[in-house]
Protein backbone atom coordinates (compact mmCIF):
# COMPACT_ATOMS: atom_id res chain seq x y z
CA MET A 1 -12.88 19.72 3.61
CA ASP A 2 -13.94 16.09 4.08
CA LEU A 3 -11.13 13.55 3.71
CA ASP A 4 -11.98 10.95 1.07
CA LEU A 5 -10.85 7.66 2.63
CA ARG A 6 -11.01 5.81 -0.68
CA LYS A 7 -8.65 8.29 -2.31
CA LEU A 8 -6.43 8.18 0.77
CA ARG A 9 -6.13 4.41 0.41
CA TYR A 10 -5.29 4.86 -3.27
CA PHE A 11 -2.56 7.34 -2.37
CA VAL A 12 -1.13 5.01 0.30
CA ALA A 13 -0.93 2.16 -2.21
CA VAL A 14 1.02 4.33 -4.66
CA ALA A 15 3.26 5.62 -1.84
CA GLU A 16 4.08 2.08 -0.76
CA HIS A 17 4.77 0.72 -4.24
CA ARG A 18 6.26 3.94 -5.70
CA HIS A 19 4.60 2.77 -8.91
CA PHE A 20 1.11 3.35 -10.28
CA GLY A 21 0.95 0.07 -12.19
CA ARG A 22 1.79 -2.13 -9.20
CA ALA A 23 -0.50 -0.11 -6.93
CA ALA A 24 -3.36 -0.49 -9.42
CA GLU A 25 -2.83 -4.27 -9.49
CA GLN A 26 -3.00 -4.39 -5.69
CA LEU A 27 -6.21 -2.34 -5.69
CA TYR A 28 -7.77 -4.26 -8.60
CA ILE A 29 -8.48 -1.09 -10.60
CA ALA A 30 -7.20 0.22 -13.92
CA GLN A 31 -4.03 2.31 -13.80
CA PRO A 32 -5.58 5.36 -15.56
CA VAL A 33 -8.41 5.36 -13.00
CA LEU A 34 -5.91 5.26 -10.13
CA SER A 35 -3.90 8.09 -11.66
CA ARG A 36 -6.99 10.26 -12.03
CA GLN A 37 -8.15 9.56 -8.49
CA VAL A 38 -4.78 10.45 -6.96
CA LYS A 39 -4.58 13.62 -9.07
CA ALA A 40 -8.08 14.57 -7.89
CA PHE A 41 -6.98 13.90 -4.31
CA GLU A 42 -4.06 16.32 -4.72
CA GLN A 43 -6.41 18.94 -6.10
CA GLU A 44 -8.78 18.49 -3.16
CA LEU A 45 -5.92 18.88 -0.69
CA GLU A 46 -4.45 21.73 -2.75
CA CYS A 47 -0.92 20.36 -2.53
CA THR A 48 1.39 18.11 -4.54
CA LEU A 49 1.90 14.70 -2.95
CA LEU A 50 3.84 12.88 -5.65
CA VAL A 51 6.58 13.68 -8.14
CA ARG A 52 5.95 11.58 -11.23
CA THR A 53 8.49 10.59 -13.88
CA THR A 54 8.30 8.01 -16.65
CA ARG A 55 10.19 5.50 -14.48
CA SER A 56 9.36 6.24 -10.86
CA VAL A 57 7.12 7.96 -8.35
CA GLU A 58 8.56 9.85 -5.38
CA LEU A 59 6.87 11.48 -2.42
CA THR A 60 7.08 15.19 -1.83
CA ALA A 61 7.60 16.47 1.71
CA ALA A 62 3.83 16.86 1.99
CA GLY A 63 3.36 13.36 0.59
CA LYS A 64 5.73 11.86 3.16
CA GLN A 65 3.85 13.60 5.96
CA LEU A 66 0.47 12.44 4.68
CA TYR A 67 1.77 8.89 4.28
CA GLU A 68 2.84 8.89 7.95
CA GLU A 69 -0.49 10.35 9.05
CA ALA A 70 -2.42 7.90 6.89
CA GLN A 71 -1.12 4.89 8.82
CA GLY A 72 -2.89 6.04 11.95
CA ILE A 73 -5.98 7.32 10.13
CA LEU A 74 -6.67 4.11 8.22
CA ALA A 75 -5.83 1.91 11.20
CA ALA A 76 -8.15 3.94 13.43
CA VAL A 77 -10.99 3.65 10.90
CA ALA A 78 -10.48 -0.11 10.63
CA LYS A 79 -10.49 -0.46 14.42
CA ALA A 80 -13.61 1.68 14.73
CA VAL A 81 -15.48 -0.52 12.23
CA ARG A 82 -14.28 -3.59 14.10
CA ARG A 83 -15.51 -2.22 17.42
CA VAL A 84 -18.94 -1.55 15.89
CA HIS A 85 -19.09 -5.14 14.63
CA ASP A 86 -17.92 -6.44 18.04
CA ILE A 87 -20.71 -4.60 19.82
CA ASP A 88 -23.25 -5.86 17.30
CA ARG A 89 -22.09 -9.45 17.94
CA GLY A 90 -21.65 -9.00 21.70
CA VAL A 91 -17.88 -9.55 21.56
CA GLN A 92 -15.62 -8.05 24.24
CA ARG A 93 -12.22 -7.03 22.84
CA LEU A 94 -9.17 -5.37 24.34
CA MET A 95 -6.54 -3.70 22.17
CA VAL A 96 -3.07 -3.59 23.73
CA ALA A 97 -0.29 -1.41 22.30
CA PHE A 98 3.38 -2.15 22.96
CA SER A 99 6.68 -0.42 22.32
CA PRO A 100 9.33 -2.08 20.13
CA GLY A 101 11.24 -4.69 22.10
CA LEU A 102 8.81 -4.86 25.03
CA HIS A 103 6.95 -8.12 25.56
CA VAL A 104 3.40 -7.93 26.87
CA SER A 105 2.58 -11.58 26.20
CA ASP A 106 3.01 -12.70 29.84
CA ALA A 107 0.40 -10.15 30.95
CA ILE A 108 -1.98 -11.19 28.17
CA ARG A 109 -1.68 -14.87 29.12
CA ALA A 110 -2.32 -14.07 32.79
CA PHE A 111 -5.37 -11.98 31.91
CA THR A 112 -6.76 -14.54 29.45
CA SER A 113 -6.48 -17.32 32.05
CA ARG A 114 -8.93 -15.34 34.21
CA GLN A 115 -11.14 -13.86 31.50
CA PRO A 116 -10.98 -16.26 28.54
CA HIS A 117 -14.09 -14.75 26.95
CA VAL A 118 -12.27 -11.48 26.17
CA GLU A 119 -10.54 -11.31 22.79
CA ILE A 120 -7.21 -9.46 22.81
CA ASP A 121 -5.35 -7.92 19.88
CA VAL A 122 -1.94 -6.26 19.98
CA VAL A 123 -0.87 -3.03 18.27
CA PRO A 124 2.85 -2.33 17.71
CA THR A 125 3.79 1.33 18.14
CA ARG A 126 6.30 3.45 16.27
CA TRP A 127 9.12 4.45 18.57
CA TRP A 128 8.77 8.20 18.00
CA GLU A 129 5.01 8.34 18.71
CA GLN A 130 4.31 5.52 21.11
CA ASP A 131 1.21 7.17 22.57
CA ALA A 132 -0.50 7.57 19.16
CA PRO A 133 -2.53 4.31 19.24
CA LEU A 134 -4.06 5.32 22.58
CA ARG A 135 -5.00 8.78 21.34
CA ASP A 136 -6.45 7.74 17.97
CA GLY A 137 -8.46 4.83 19.38
CA ARG A 138 -6.46 1.91 18.01
CA ALA A 139 -5.63 0.72 21.54
CA GLN A 140 -7.12 1.02 25.03
CA VAL A 141 -3.95 0.29 27.00
CA GLY A 142 -0.25 0.42 26.19
CA TYR A 143 2.94 -1.09 27.55
CA LEU A 144 5.27 1.75 26.63
CA ARG A 145 8.80 2.98 27.16
CA ARG A 146 9.55 6.60 27.97
CA PRO A 147 9.86 9.20 26.59
CA PHE A 148 6.37 9.86 25.28
CA ASP A 149 3.80 12.61 25.64
CA ASP A 150 1.95 11.68 28.83
CA SER A 151 -0.52 14.59 28.84
CA GLY A 152 -4.03 13.26 29.33
CA LEU A 153 -2.68 9.80 30.18
CA THR A 154 -2.54 7.76 33.37
CA THR A 155 0.80 5.98 33.72
CA ILE A 156 1.69 3.11 36.03
CA PRO A 157 5.48 2.62 36.42
CA ILE A 158 6.57 -0.94 35.69
CA GLY A 159 10.36 -0.86 35.81
CA HIS A 160 13.59 0.40 34.27
CA GLU A 161 15.89 -1.09 31.69
CA PRO A 162 19.47 -0.17 30.77
CA ARG A 163 20.61 1.19 27.43
CA VAL A 164 23.33 -0.32 25.29
CA ALA A 165 25.37 1.13 22.44
CA CYS A 166 24.53 -0.49 19.11
CA MET A 167 27.30 -0.34 16.50
CA PRO A 168 28.74 -2.30 13.58
CA ALA A 169 30.26 -5.57 14.74
CA ALA A 170 33.60 -4.48 13.23
CA HIS A 171 33.66 -1.17 15.17
CA PRO A 172 36.74 -0.82 17.45
CA LEU A 173 34.51 -0.34 20.49
CA ALA A 174 32.39 -3.42 19.79
CA CYS A 175 34.91 -5.70 21.51
CA ARG A 176 34.67 -3.83 24.81
CA ASP A 177 32.80 -5.34 27.77
CA GLU A 178 31.31 -1.95 28.71
CA LEU A 179 31.49 1.70 27.76
CA THR A 180 30.87 5.13 29.26
CA SER A 181 29.35 8.19 27.61
CA ALA A 182 32.85 9.66 27.34
CA ASP A 183 33.89 6.73 25.13
CA LEU A 184 31.17 7.75 22.67
CA ALA A 185 31.96 11.48 22.61
CA ASP A 186 33.47 11.40 19.12
CA GLU A 187 30.91 9.03 17.62
CA ARG A 188 27.99 10.04 15.41
CA ILE A 189 24.86 9.17 17.37
CA LEU A 190 21.71 8.39 15.42
CA ASP A 191 18.74 9.83 17.26
CA THR A 192 15.55 11.82 16.57
CA PRO A 193 17.13 15.30 16.24
CA THR A 194 19.89 14.21 13.86
CA ARG A 195 18.13 11.63 11.70
CA ARG A 196 14.70 10.21 12.35
CA THR A 197 14.16 6.76 10.93
CA THR A 198 10.74 5.28 10.23
CA SER A 199 11.52 1.93 11.87
CA LEU A 200 14.08 0.18 14.01
CA GLU A 201 14.93 -2.02 11.05
CA GLU A 202 15.90 1.09 9.07
CA LYS A 203 17.97 2.40 11.97
CA PHE A 204 19.84 -0.90 12.31
CA GLU A 205 20.53 -0.99 8.58
CA LEU A 206 22.07 2.49 8.82
CA ILE A 207 24.18 1.44 11.79
CA ALA A 208 25.34 -1.78 10.13
CA SER A 209 26.37 0.18 7.02
CA GLY A 210 28.54 2.55 9.08
CA HIS A 211 26.33 5.64 9.32
CA GLY A 212 26.65 5.94 13.10
CA ILE A 213 25.77 4.22 16.35
CA ALA A 214 22.70 4.40 18.59
CA LEU A 215 21.84 3.98 22.24
CA VAL A 216 18.98 1.51 22.42
CA PRO A 217 17.10 -0.19 25.27
CA LEU A 218 18.40 -3.62 26.20
CA SER A 219 15.09 -5.25 25.28
CA VAL A 220 15.36 -3.80 21.76
CA ALA A 221 18.91 -5.14 21.40
CA ARG A 222 17.75 -8.60 22.44
CA SER A 223 14.74 -8.56 20.11
CA TYR A 224 16.67 -7.33 17.06
CA SER A 225 19.93 -9.22 17.48
CA ARG A 226 21.90 -9.70 14.25
CA PRO A 227 25.47 -10.88 13.55
CA ASP A 228 26.67 -7.68 11.86
CA LEU A 229 25.85 -5.55 14.92
CA GLY A 230 27.43 -5.35 18.33
CA TYR A 231 25.80 -4.26 21.59
CA VAL A 232 27.85 -2.92 24.49
CA PRO A 233 26.43 -1.72 27.87
CA VAL A 234 26.91 1.99 28.62
CA THR A 235 27.40 2.12 32.38
CA ASP A 236 26.53 5.79 32.97
CA ALA A 237 23.60 6.04 30.55
CA PRO A 238 20.35 6.68 32.46
CA GLY A 239 17.90 3.79 32.55
CA ILE A 240 14.63 3.96 30.63
CA GLU A 241 11.33 3.70 32.48
CA THR A 242 8.66 1.31 31.23
CA CYS A 243 5.00 2.05 31.97
CA LEU A 244 1.51 0.72 31.60
CA VAL A 245 -0.53 3.55 30.08
CA VAL A 246 -4.22 4.33 29.53
CA LEU A 247 -6.20 7.46 28.72
CA ALA A 248 -6.91 9.37 31.92
CA ASP A 249 -10.67 9.40 31.36
CA ARG A 250 -11.04 5.64 30.82
CA ARG A 251 -12.82 3.97 33.75
CA ASP A 252 -14.36 0.75 32.41
CA LYS A 253 -13.99 -2.38 34.52
CA LEU A 254 -12.45 -4.54 31.79
CA LEU A 255 -9.59 -2.09 31.44
CA ARG A 256 -9.11 -1.82 35.21
CA ASP A 257 -8.94 -5.60 35.50
CA PHE A 258 -6.31 -5.79 32.78
CA GLN A 259 -4.27 -3.01 34.39
CA GLU A 260 -4.25 -4.81 37.73
CA ILE A 261 -3.20 -8.15 36.28
CA ALA A 262 -0.71 -6.68 33.81
CA THR A 263 0.95 -4.48 36.46
CA ALA A 264 1.58 -7.40 38.79
CA THR A 265 2.70 -9.69 35.97
CA LEU A 266 5.02 -7.25 34.19
CA ARG A 267 6.66 -6.03 37.40
CA HIS A 268 7.36 -9.61 38.36
CA THR A 269 8.76 -10.38 34.90
């Protein structure tokens, strides 16, 4: 079947608002029209996406999955349209993805100082699928943190960063200067297998409310510092490699130039 992008956008609006009325206002259409379009979308997909009650709208398991997939689909479509317009206007543009907590701004400044005619946009990645923007066309190069699926990718090692234990500020271990993995043996660790969160903000909210602790890269701890959380170095936790990443089959000169400048700049930083 062909995926109707208009109906997909309608579904995303309802999924974000959890309310047909507010979604309809955002889309500037009548609520009954929106309801019919989403119902038709479910029939086309042959699965239920939403559970409707008189007071709320909730996503089914299929709806949650489609909502996640839709972020990349709609972003990729928007980027594709933008690239078409750029070519029509003769604009050179580079899309740079980056993992949460990593800062690629020094590399962008260094590149722009040499090639000021190139427009650069940045694309934040989700921590559990950092390579997605490269594979779906939203970005041409990424400054990423392992682990990620590197099949079909060319990776240039940049460096390593330590991991720290993130926990509630009132946790008994939060006053320690450093920890080992043995100190955390009895703690509930929030990670992908036990409980996947959709954002770092969600993970930190869970930690602050006492639902567990997490091992996070130092750069993430610095970028998301908050007074109700404590960060303690874990001395025997393996470091995390950072990499500059592109698709293996990309050979254009603009991308090579950025890789060269970014590699030197980020390694120095």
